Structures are given as C-alpha cells and as structure tokens.
C-alpha atoms as a PDB file:
ATOM      1  CA  UNK A   1     -28.473  -8.703  -0.605  1.00  0.00           C
ATOM      2  CA  UNK A   2     -27.138  -5.155  -0.882  1.00  0.00           C
ATOM      3  CA  UNK A   3     -24.864  -3.920  -3.602  1.00  0.00           C
ATOM      4  CA  UNK A   4     -21.627  -2.341  -2.259  1.00  0.00           C
ATOM      5  CA  UNK A   5     -20.803   1.284  -2.945  1.00  0.00           C
ATOM      6  CA  UNK A   6     -17.717   1.838  -5.126  1.00  0.00           C
ATOM      7  CA  UNK A   7     -15.432   2.693  -2.189  1.00  0.00           C
ATOM      8  CA  UNK A   8     -16.505  -0.433  -0.339  1.00  0.00           C
ATOM      9  CA  UNK A   9     -16.120  -2.538  -3.485  1.00  0.00           C
ATOM     10  CA  UNK A  10     -12.561  -1.368  -4.163  1.00  0.00           C
ATOM     11  CA  UNK A  11     -11.554  -1.645  -0.493  1.00  0.00           C
ATOM     12  CA  UNK A  12     -12.853  -5.223  -0.460  1.00  0.00           C
ATOM     13  CA  UNK A  13     -10.587  -5.945  -3.432  1.00  0.00           C
ATOM     14  CA  UNK A  14      -7.597  -4.360  -1.629  1.00  0.00           C
ATOM     15  CA  UNK A  15      -8.355  -6.620   1.351  1.00  0.00           C
ATOM     16  CA  UNK A  16      -8.376  -9.635  -0.963  1.00  0.00           C
ATOM     17  CA  UNK A  17      -5.039  -8.552  -2.495  1.00  0.00           C
ATOM     18  CA  UNK A  18      -3.593  -8.315   1.039  1.00  0.00           C
ATOM     19  CA  UNK A  19      -4.195 -12.038   1.469  1.00  0.00           C
ATOM     20  CA  UNK A  20      -1.288 -12.634  -0.966  1.00  0.00           C
ATOM     21  CA  UNK A  21       1.136 -10.908   1.423  1.00  0.00           C
ATOM     22  CA  UNK A  22       4.157 -12.861   2.637  1.00  0.00           C
ATOM     23  CA  UNK A  23       4.951 -10.517   5.543  1.00  0.00           C
ATOM     24  CA  UNK A  24       4.935 -12.051   9.019  1.00  0.00           C
ATOM     25  CA  UNK A  25       3.935  -8.812  10.771  1.00  0.00           C
ATOM     26  CA  UNK A  26       1.242  -7.139   8.684  1.00  0.00           C
ATOM     27  CA  UNK A  27      -0.710  -8.030   5.557  1.00  0.00           C
ATOM     28  CA  UNK A  28      -1.266  -5.006   3.338  1.00  0.00           C
ATOM     29  CA  UNK A  29      -2.983  -4.766  -0.024  1.00  0.00           C
ATOM     30  CA  UNK A  30      -3.197  -1.803  -2.399  1.00  0.00           C
ATOM     31  CA  UNK A  31      -4.880  -1.072  -5.717  1.00  0.00           C
ATOM     32  CA  UNK A  32      -4.877   1.943  -7.996  1.00  0.00           C
ATOM     33  CA  UNK A  33      -8.158   2.909  -9.606  1.00  0.00           C
ATOM     34  CA  UNK A  34      -9.188   5.493 -12.196  1.00  0.00           C
ATOM     35  CA  UNK A  35     -12.650   5.908 -13.708  1.00  0.00           C
ATOM     36  CA  UNK A  36     -13.902   2.886 -11.715  1.00  0.00           C
ATOM     37  CA  UNK A  37     -11.271   0.637 -13.333  1.00  0.00           C
ATOM     38  CA  UNK A  38      -8.462  -1.173 -11.517  1.00  0.00           C
ATOM     39  CA  UNK A  39      -5.085  -0.192 -12.964  1.00  0.00           C
ATOM     40  CA  UNK A  40      -2.665  -2.190 -10.787  1.00  0.00           C
ATOM     41  CA  UNK A  41      -2.500  -4.171  -7.555  1.00  0.00           C
ATOM     42  CA  UNK A  42       0.231  -4.757  -4.992  1.00  0.00           C
ATOM     43  CA  UNK A  43       0.814  -6.492  -1.685  1.00  0.00           C
ATOM     44  CA  UNK A  44       3.742  -6.461   0.728  1.00  0.00           C
ATOM     45  CA  UNK A  45       6.448  -9.079   0.572  1.00  0.00           C
ATOM     46  CA  UNK A  46       9.952  -9.960  -0.594  1.00  0.00           C
ATOM     47  CA  UNK A  47      11.005  -9.136  -4.173  1.00  0.00           C
ATOM     48  CA  UNK A  48      10.035 -11.668  -6.849  1.00  0.00           C
ATOM     49  CA  UNK A  49      12.150 -14.804  -6.787  1.00  0.00           C
ATOM     50  CA  UNK A  50      13.549 -14.230  -3.291  1.00  0.00           C
ATOM     51  CA  UNK A  51      12.614 -16.329  -0.250  1.00  0.00           C
ATOM     52  CA  UNK A  52       9.484 -15.174   1.548  1.00  0.00           C
ATOM     53  CA  UNK A  53       9.701 -13.769   5.054  1.00  0.00           C
ATOM     54  CA  UNK A  54       7.032 -16.304   6.047  1.00  0.00           C
ATOM     55  CA  UNK A  55       9.610 -19.000   5.236  1.00  0.00           C
ATOM     56  CA  UNK A  56      12.888 -17.535   6.511  1.00  0.00           C
ATOM     57  CA  UNK A  57      11.792 -15.161   9.277  1.00  0.00           C
ATOM     58  CA  UNK A  58      11.730 -11.436   9.843  1.00  0.00           C
ATOM     59  CA  UNK A  59      14.789  -9.464  10.941  1.00  0.00           C
ATOM     60  CA  UNK A  60      12.644  -6.600  12.239  1.00  0.00           C
ATOM     61  CA  UNK A  61      10.618  -9.029  14.331  1.00  0.00           C
ATOM     62  CA  UNK A  62      13.779 -10.675  15.690  1.00  0.00           C
ATOM     63  CA  UNK A  63      15.257  -7.271  16.600  1.00  0.00           C
ATOM     64  CA  UNK A  64      12.008  -6.003  18.176  1.00  0.00           C
ATOM     65  CA  UNK A  65      11.776  -2.982  15.871  1.00  0.00           C
ATOM     66  CA  UNK A  66       8.416  -1.206  16.230  1.00  0.00           C
ATOM     67  CA  UNK A  67       6.115  -0.691  13.279  1.00  0.00           C
ATOM     68  CA  UNK A  68       6.826   2.501  11.352  1.00  0.00           C
ATOM     69  CA  UNK A  69      10.540   2.609  12.209  1.00  0.00           C
ATOM     70  CA  UNK A  70      13.770   1.521  10.488  1.00  0.00           C
ATOM     71  CA  UNK A  71      12.154   0.611   7.154  1.00  0.00           C
ATOM     72  CA  UNK A  72      15.584  -0.083   5.671  1.00  0.00           C
ATOM     73  CA  UNK A  73      15.857  -3.252   7.763  1.00  0.00           C
ATOM     74  CA  UNK A  74      12.938  -4.904   5.977  1.00  0.00           C
ATOM     75  CA  UNK A  75      13.542  -7.332   3.097  1.00  0.00           C
ATOM     76  CA  UNK A  76      10.078  -6.729   1.731  1.00  0.00           C
ATOM     77  CA  UNK A  77       8.489  -4.135  -0.469  1.00  0.00           C
ATOM     78  CA  UNK A  78       5.401  -2.345   0.733  1.00  0.00           C
ATOM     79  CA  UNK A  79       2.104  -2.892  -1.068  1.00  0.00           C
ATOM     80  CA  UNK A  80       2.131   0.728  -2.259  1.00  0.00           C
ATOM     81  CA  UNK A  81       5.627   0.305  -3.700  1.00  0.00           C
ATOM     82  CA  UNK A  82       4.545  -2.862  -5.474  1.00  0.00           C
ATOM     83  CA  UNK A  83       1.451  -1.226  -6.979  1.00  0.00           C
ATOM     84  CA  UNK A  84       3.643   1.550  -8.444  1.00  0.00           C
ATOM     85  CA  UNK A  85       6.191  -0.991  -9.707  1.00  0.00           C
ATOM     86  CA  UNK A  86       3.523  -3.215 -11.263  1.00  0.00           C
ATOM     87  CA  UNK A  87       1.957  -0.259 -13.061  1.00  0.00           C
ATOM     88  CA  UNK A  88       5.361   0.854 -14.400  1.00  0.00           C
ATOM     89  CA  UNK A  89       6.388  -2.694 -15.344  1.00  0.00           C
ATOM     90  CA  UNK A  90       3.240  -3.172 -17.404  1.00  0.00           C
ATOM     91  CA  UNK A  91       3.186   0.373 -18.849  1.00  0.00           C
ATOM     92  CA  UNK A  92       0.015   1.475 -17.056  1.00  0.00           C
ATOM     93  CA  UNK A  93      -0.048   5.186 -16.175  1.00  0.00           C
ATOM     94  CA  UNK A  94      -1.369   5.849 -12.676  1.00  0.00           C
ATOM     95  CA  UNK A  95      -1.143   9.647 -12.661  1.00  0.00           C
ATOM     96  CA  UNK A  96      -4.440  11.026 -11.380  1.00  0.00           C
ATOM     97  CA  UNK A  97      -5.523   7.685  -9.911  1.00  0.00           C
ATOM     98  CA  UNK A  98      -6.912   6.853  -6.494  1.00  0.00           C
ATOM     99  CA  UNK A  99      -5.053   4.451  -4.231  1.00  0.00           C
ATOM    100  CA  UNK A 100      -7.123   2.083  -2.101  1.00  0.00           C
ATOM    101  CA  UNK A 101      -4.959   0.611   0.628  1.00  0.00           C
ATOM    102  CA  UNK A 102      -5.702  -1.515   3.660  1.00  0.00           C
ATOM    103  CA  UNK A 103      -3.347   0.729   5.670  1.00  0.00           C
ATOM    104  CA  UNK A 104      -2.341   4.382   5.601  1.00  0.00           C
ATOM    105  CA  UNK A 105       0.928   4.496   3.641  1.00  0.00           C
ATOM    106  CA  UNK A 106       4.218   5.135   5.464  1.00  0.00           C
ATOM    107  CA  UNK A 107       6.174   8.330   4.742  1.00  0.00           C
ATOM    108  CA  UNK A 108       8.481   6.550   2.265  1.00  0.00           C
ATOM    109  CA  UNK A 109       5.538   5.223   0.254  1.00  0.00           C
ATOM    110  CA  UNK A 110       3.771   8.577   0.552  1.00  0.00           C
ATOM    111  CA  UNK A 111       6.709  10.304  -1.151  1.00  0.00           C
ATOM    112  CA  UNK A 112       6.550   7.761  -3.963  1.00  0.00           C
ATOM    113  CA  UNK A 113       2.778   8.101  -4.318  1.00  0.00           C
ATOM    114  CA  UNK A 114       3.057  11.889  -4.482  1.00  0.00           C
ATOM    115  CA  UNK A 115       5.649  11.669  -7.253  1.00  0.00           C
ATOM    116  CA  UNK A 116       3.620   8.999  -9.079  1.00  0.00           C
ATOM    117  CA  UNK A 117       0.735  11.494  -9.282  1.00  0.00           C
ATOM    118  CA  UNK A 118      -1.770   9.770  -6.994  1.00  0.00           C
ATOM    119  CA  UNK A 119      -4.558  12.272  -6.230  1.00  0.00           C
ATOM    120  CA  UNK A 120      -6.523  10.445  -3.540  1.00  0.00           C
ATOM    121  CA  UNK A 121      -5.808   7.806  -0.927  1.00  0.00           C
ATOM    122  CA  UNK A 122      -8.564   5.796   0.685  1.00  0.00           C
ATOM    123  CA  UNK A 123      -7.447   3.541   3.500  1.00  0.00           C
ATOM    124  CA  UNK A 124      -8.847   1.398   6.277  1.00  0.00           C
ATOM    125  CA  UNK A 125      -6.346   1.241   9.164  1.00  0.00           C
ATOM    126  CA  UNK A 126      -3.795   3.769  10.422  1.00  0.00           C
ATOM    127  CA  UNK A 127      -0.015   3.431  10.452  1.00  0.00           C
ATOM    128  CA  UNK A 128       2.537   4.647  12.993  1.00  0.00           C
ATOM    129  CA  UNK A 129       4.366   7.215  10.849  1.00  0.00           C
ATOM    130  CA  UNK A 130       3.764  10.838  11.827  1.00  0.00           C
ATOM    131  CA  UNK A 131       5.211  12.359   8.625  1.00  0.00           C
ATOM    132  CA  UNK A 132       2.712  10.687   6.308  1.00  0.00           C
ATOM    133  CA  UNK A 133      -0.332  12.887   6.799  1.00  0.00           C
ATOM    134  CA  UNK A 134       1.756  16.067   6.889  1.00  0.00           C
ATOM    135  CA  UNK A 135       3.416  15.337   3.542  1.00  0.00           C
ATOM    136  CA  UNK A 136       0.245  14.145   1.809  1.00  0.00           C
ATOM    137  CA  UNK A 137      -1.623  17.239   2.989  1.00  0.00           C
ATOM    138  CA  UNK A 138       1.167  19.556   1.820  1.00  0.00           C
ATOM    139  CA  UNK A 139       1.082  17.858  -1.599  1.00  0.00           C
ATOM    140  CA  UNK A 140      -2.687  18.271  -1.898  1.00  0.00           C
ATOM    141  CA  UNK A 141      -3.424  14.540  -1.810  1.00  0.00           C
ATOM    142  CA  UNK A 142      -6.893  13.818  -0.414  1.00  0.00           C
ATOM    143  CA  UNK A 143      -6.771  11.191   2.332  1.00  0.00           C
ATOM    144  CA  UNK A 144      -9.927   9.442   3.572  1.00  0.00           C
ATOM    145  CA  UNK A 145     -10.258   6.663   6.137  1.00  0.00           C
ATOM    146  CA  UNK A 146     -13.167   4.261   5.759  1.00  0.00           C
ATOM    147  CA  UNK A 147     -14.355   1.297   7.811  1.00  0.00           C
END
C-alpha cells in the first residue's frame, strides 16, 4: 500500500467533499489548505435551508444553458464560493492558502478567490470559462492541473 503525496491526499478529500453536492449537473468540491492543514471545505448546492436542486429541478438544465454561461440563473452556490463563506463564517483566515478543487473555478469564483488572497489553485478537471486562466495569471495565482 502506497502513501499518497500531499497533493493527491488533499485532492482526494476535495473529491469526497464533492459527494455532498446537491447540483444535478456537476458535483464540485473545494478545500482550502495552509501548512498542510485544512482550513475550510465547500461543495456546490443551494443555500442552507433552501430546497435542493436534486429535489426541485434545475432551471439551467430545463433551459438548456451550457456550462460556464449565465451563472446568474443558478440557484446554487459554487463550491469555491462556499469554501470562502465557510471560512468567513467561522473566522478562519484563508489569505495565502491553496485551494484544491475538483474543477477549475469559473471567472466569478476566480475573482472572489483572488480577493480572498488565495495564492495557488490545484484542480482536476477543466471548466468552460475562458476568462478564468487569464485573470488568475494576471493576479499571480499559480494554477496547476493534476490527475
């Protein structure tokens, strides 16, 4: 039995967090890490206390809206948004942290991550939003894709 490297270990945890998602279209998990310690976790889904998209349906799905477009028509929060919110809610600073995410963040989440002080993003799968990589690069955020 082999021991996972740190990046693999934290990505495995992000994948586990994604299993809590209530989105009908894509399950995404995110965690912030600093000094090999998990600071906060988040997954995509409706705000706390509201009906889950799994239960009431998805407007974007019904309207045939492609991934990466018209984010304002989604009832849910993205995993990256939830990880920032959870850190703030519990008073955990994430400035200087690394974000592990099952997907490359969208441009909206990227703006939030930049302003939250995230230094590095490690992700597994891409995302159809052309502005993301441009903005993260301009802000000096290191972005690495892993298997």
